[in-house]
Amino acid sequence: MRKLITHGLVFVALASAAGCSVAYSSIRQQPDGSYLLTESRTKFFKVQGTMYSCNASGETMNCKVVALPSPKKK
């Protein structure tokens, strides 16, 4: 029984650590000098993406959201 509980706790810890990751999968420069950035957010059983329009300002990027994930249909 103790071994089963230990395995269960290890599984939950690994699933929690890997379950909420964020990656920027695409950065493309547009003809006007701005950038389109795609963020992929992975949750336990789904992946959501958000698209940003960014302008370079020195060493920083000023970004605004241009496309959000569509709401789940019922």
C-alpha atoms as a PDB file:
ATOM      1  CA  MET A   1       0.000   0.000   0.000  1.00  0.00           C
ATOM      2  CA  ARG A   2       2.861   2.373   0.849  1.00  0.00           C
ATOM      3  CA  LYS A   3       4.447   1.740  -2.566  1.00  0.00           C
ATOM      4  CA  LEU A   4       1.155   2.562  -4.331  1.00  0.00           C
ATOM      5  CA  ILE A   5       0.837   5.866  -2.463  1.00  0.00           C
ATOM      6  CA  THR A   6       4.451   6.761  -3.269  1.00  0.00           C
ATOM      7  CA  HIS A   7       3.937   6.041  -6.966  1.00  0.00           C
ATOM      8  CA  GLY A   8       0.739   8.079  -6.928  1.00  0.00           C
ATOM      9  CA  LEU A   9       2.476  11.075  -5.375  1.00  0.00           C
ATOM     10  CA  VAL A  10       5.347  10.872  -7.857  1.00  0.00           C
ATOM     11  CA  PHE A  11       2.864  10.727 -10.756  1.00  0.00           C
ATOM     12  CA  VAL A  12       0.937  13.761  -9.474  1.00  0.00           C
ATOM     13  CA  ALA A  13       4.169  15.723  -8.993  1.00  0.00           C
ATOM     14  CA  LEU A  14       5.390  14.938 -12.517  1.00  0.00           C
ATOM     15  CA  ALA A  15       1.997  15.690 -14.069  1.00  0.00           C
ATOM     16  CA  SER A  16       1.836  19.030 -12.252  1.00  0.00           C
ATOM     17  CA  ALA A  17       5.342  20.002 -13.340  1.00  0.00           C
ATOM     18  CA  ALA A  18       4.711  19.136 -16.995  1.00  0.00           C
ATOM     19  CA  GLY A  19       1.061  20.172 -17.090  1.00  0.00           C
ATOM     20  CA  CYS A  20       1.345  23.943 -17.331  1.00  0.00           C
ATOM     21  CA  SER A  21       4.087  24.916 -19.750  1.00  0.00           C
ATOM     22  CA  VAL A  22       4.313  27.963 -22.012  1.00  0.00           C
ATOM     23  CA  ALA A  23       6.258  28.113 -25.271  1.00  0.00           C
ATOM     24  CA  TYR A  24       6.646  30.774 -27.932  1.00  0.00           C
ATOM     25  CA  SER A  25       6.389  28.703 -31.088  1.00  0.00           C
ATOM     26  CA  SER A  26       6.617  31.336 -33.800  1.00  0.00           C
ATOM     27  CA  ILE A  27       8.095  34.805 -34.175  1.00  0.00           C
ATOM     28  CA  ARG A  28       7.702  36.410 -37.609  1.00  0.00           C
ATOM     29  CA  GLN A  29       8.719  39.852 -38.756  1.00  0.00           C
ATOM     30  CA  GLN A  30       6.098  41.720 -40.762  1.00  0.00           C
ATOM     31  CA  PRO A  31       6.815  44.119 -43.666  1.00  0.00           C
ATOM     32  CA  ASP A  32       6.022  47.136 -41.431  1.00  0.00           C
ATOM     33  CA  GLY A  33       8.770  46.135 -38.958  1.00  0.00           C
ATOM     34  CA  SER A  34       6.436  44.722 -36.296  1.00  0.00           C
ATOM     35  CA  TYR A  35       6.517  41.085 -35.161  1.00  0.00           C
ATOM     36  CA  LEU A  36       3.811  38.436 -34.792  1.00  0.00           C
ATOM     37  CA  LEU A  37       4.444  36.198 -31.814  1.00  0.00           C
ATOM     38  CA  THR A  38       2.553  32.964 -31.102  1.00  0.00           C
ATOM     39  CA  GLU A  39       2.357  31.678 -27.537  1.00  0.00           C
ATOM     40  CA  SER A  40       1.271  28.081 -26.901  1.00  0.00           C
ATOM     41  CA  ARG A  41       0.079  27.318 -23.381  1.00  0.00           C
ATOM     42  CA  THR A  42      -0.184  23.631 -22.510  1.00  0.00           C
ATOM     43  CA  LYS A  43      -2.505  22.531 -19.734  1.00  0.00           C
ATOM     44  CA  PHE A  44      -3.262  18.999 -18.581  1.00  0.00           C
ATOM     45  CA  PHE A  45      -5.426  17.890 -21.513  1.00  0.00           C
ATOM     46  CA  LYS A  46      -5.514  20.855 -23.903  1.00  0.00           C
ATOM     47  CA  VAL A  47      -3.339  23.358 -25.716  1.00  0.00           C
ATOM     48  CA  GLN A  48      -4.306  27.017 -26.166  1.00  0.00           C
ATOM     49  CA  GLY A  49      -2.622  29.580 -28.351  1.00  0.00           C
ATOM     50  CA  THR A  50      -2.531  33.364 -28.229  1.00  0.00           C
ATOM     51  CA  MET A  51      -1.182  35.667 -30.944  1.00  0.00           C
ATOM     52  CA  TYR A  52       0.524  38.973 -30.161  1.00  0.00           C
ATOM     53  CA  SER A  53       1.553  41.917 -32.337  1.00  0.00           C
ATOM     54  CA  CYS A  54       4.838  43.363 -31.043  1.00  0.00           C
ATOM     55  CA  ASN A  55       6.943  46.421 -31.795  1.00  0.00           C
ATOM     56  CA  ALA A  56      10.606  46.620 -30.852  1.00  0.00           C
ATOM     57  CA  SER A  57      11.520  49.529 -28.614  1.00  0.00           C
ATOM     58  CA  GLY A  58      15.223  49.463 -27.823  1.00  0.00           C
ATOM     59  CA  GLU A  59      15.909  46.194 -26.051  1.00  0.00           C
ATOM     60  CA  THR A  60      12.254  45.552 -25.156  1.00  0.00           C
ATOM     61  CA  MET A  61       9.201  44.402 -27.089  1.00  0.00           C
ATOM     62  CA  ASN A  62       5.856  46.164 -26.618  1.00  0.00           C
ATOM     63  CA  CYS A  63       3.139  43.610 -27.377  1.00  0.00           C
ATOM     64  CA  LYS A  64      -0.643  43.578 -27.580  1.00  0.00           C
ATOM     65  CA  VAL A  65      -2.983  40.629 -27.989  1.00  0.00           C
ATOM     66  CA  VAL A  66      -4.490  40.297 -31.482  1.00  0.00           C
ATOM     67  CA  ALA A  67      -6.057  36.824 -31.230  1.00  0.00           C
ATOM     68  CA  LEU A  68      -7.243  34.825 -28.220  1.00  0.00           C
ATOM     69  CA  PRO A  69      -8.252  31.159 -28.005  1.00  0.00           C
ATOM     70  CA  SER A  70     -11.862  30.669 -29.048  1.00  0.00           C
ATOM     71  CA  PRO A  71     -14.252  29.835 -26.199  1.00  0.00           C
ATOM     72  CA  LYS A  72     -15.266  26.219 -25.788  1.00  0.00           C
ATOM     73  CA  LYS A  73     -18.540  25.434 -27.557  1.00  0.00           C
ATOM     74  CA  LYS A  74     -21.243  23.723 -25.549  1.00  0.00           C
END
